Protein backbone atom coordinates (compact mmCIF):
# COMPACT_ATOMS: atom_id res chain seq x y z
CA MET A 1 -4.90 9.71 -1.98
CA GLY A 2 -2.81 6.74 -0.82
CA ILE A 3 -0.90 8.76 1.77
CA ARG A 4 -4.11 10.37 3.02
CA PHE A 5 -5.68 6.88 3.41
CA ILE A 6 -2.66 5.65 5.40
CA LEU A 7 -2.62 8.74 7.64
CA VAL A 8 -6.34 8.41 8.36
CA ALA A 9 -5.92 4.72 9.11
CA LEU A 10 -2.98 5.35 11.44
CA SER A 11 -4.99 8.01 13.25
CA ILE A 12 -7.84 5.57 13.70
CA VAL A 13 -5.47 2.92 15.06
CA ALA A 14 -4.13 5.45 17.55
CA VAL A 15 -7.61 6.47 18.68
CA LEU A 16 -9.06 2.97 18.85
CA GLY A 17 -5.91 1.41 20.20
CA GLY A 18 -6.34 -1.56 17.88
CA GLY A 19 -8.16 -4.52 19.39
CA GLY A 20 -11.36 -5.89 18.06
CA SER A 21 -11.91 -9.26 16.54
CA ASP A 22 -10.77 -10.76 13.27
CA GLU A 23 -14.44 -10.63 12.21
CA ALA A 24 -13.92 -6.93 11.49
CA VAL A 25 -11.86 -7.95 8.45
CA PRO A 26 -13.89 -10.28 6.22
CA THR A 27 -11.90 -13.11 4.65
CA VAL A 28 -11.88 -13.74 0.92
CA GLY A 29 -12.88 -17.39 0.59
CA ASP A 30 -11.29 -18.28 -2.73
CA SER A 31 -9.84 -16.94 -5.97
CA GLU A 32 -13.28 -16.58 -7.57
CA GLU A 33 -14.47 -14.33 -4.75
CA PHE A 34 -11.24 -12.31 -5.02
CA ASP A 35 -11.71 -11.92 -8.79
CA ALA A 36 -15.31 -10.78 -8.27
CA LEU A 37 -14.26 -8.16 -5.72
CA VAL A 38 -11.52 -6.81 -7.98
CA ALA A 39 -13.88 -6.79 -10.99
CA SER A 40 -16.35 -4.61 -9.07
CA GLY A 41 -14.12 -1.62 -9.70
CA ASP A 42 -14.65 -0.35 -6.14
CA PRO A 43 -11.61 0.96 -4.25
CA LEU A 44 -10.59 -1.91 -1.97
CA ALA A 45 -7.71 -2.86 0.28
CA PHE A 46 -6.52 -6.42 0.88
CA MET A 47 -4.59 -7.65 3.89
CA VAL A 48 -2.52 -10.41 2.27
CA VAL A 49 -1.67 -13.17 4.72
CA ALA A 50 1.32 -15.11 3.41
CA ARG A 51 1.26 -18.90 3.13
CA GLY A 52 2.27 -20.55 6.38
CA CYS A 53 1.98 -17.32 8.34
CA ASP A 54 0.24 -19.12 11.19
CA LEU A 55 3.25 -21.40 11.55
CA PHE A 56 5.39 -18.54 12.85
CA PRO A 57 3.61 -16.79 15.74
CA GLY A 58 4.36 -13.11 16.05
CA THR A 59 5.24 -12.56 12.40
CA CYS A 60 1.84 -11.70 10.93
CA GLY A 61 -0.20 -10.80 13.99
CA PRO A 62 1.23 -7.35 14.76
CA LEU A 63 -0.39 -5.84 11.67
CA GLY A 64 -3.77 -7.31 12.61
CA ASP A 65 -4.66 -4.36 14.84
CA PHE A 66 -3.92 -1.95 12.01
CA TRP A 67 -6.07 -3.84 9.51
CA ARG A 68 -8.94 -4.26 11.99
CA ALA A 69 -8.98 -0.51 12.60
CA VAL A 70 -8.91 0.22 8.86
CA ALA A 71 -11.78 -2.25 8.30
CA VAL A 72 -13.85 -0.53 11.00
CA ALA A 73 -13.17 2.87 9.43
CA PHE A 74 -13.91 1.68 5.88
CA PRO A 75 -16.55 -1.07 6.17
CA GLY A 76 -16.97 -3.22 3.08
CA ARG A 77 -13.69 -1.97 1.61
CA VAL A 78 -11.08 -4.04 3.46
CA PHE A 79 -10.65 -7.80 3.11
CA ARG A 80 -8.26 -10.48 4.38
CA LEU A 81 -6.75 -12.59 1.60
CA SER A 82 -5.24 -15.83 2.89
CA CYS A 83 -2.70 -17.28 0.48
CA ASP A 84 -3.29 -20.66 2.13
CA ALA A 85 -7.01 -20.53 1.24
CA ALA A 86 -6.67 -18.84 -2.18
CA PRO A 87 -3.16 -19.49 -3.50
CA GLU A 88 -4.17 -18.64 -7.09
CA ALA A 89 -5.05 -15.10 -6.00
CA CYS A 90 -1.64 -14.58 -4.44
């Protein structure tokens, strides 16, 4: 199923051409919210943004288009996890 998910997501990125806003990928606010999402048992995907990623432009951004497209294709299943905001979850 993992490969099928990736292939579908890549197809969506190709069709949509990326773009969109960061609002398409909801951000996990803290470790408690992350724990609640994981405990739900639903199949989820997390875009993990490393600590300090914003300090190095061009290192984390290129994958943003991919994750936005996946979030549009699978609403409510894809979340951004910032290790700066929720270091305990990382």
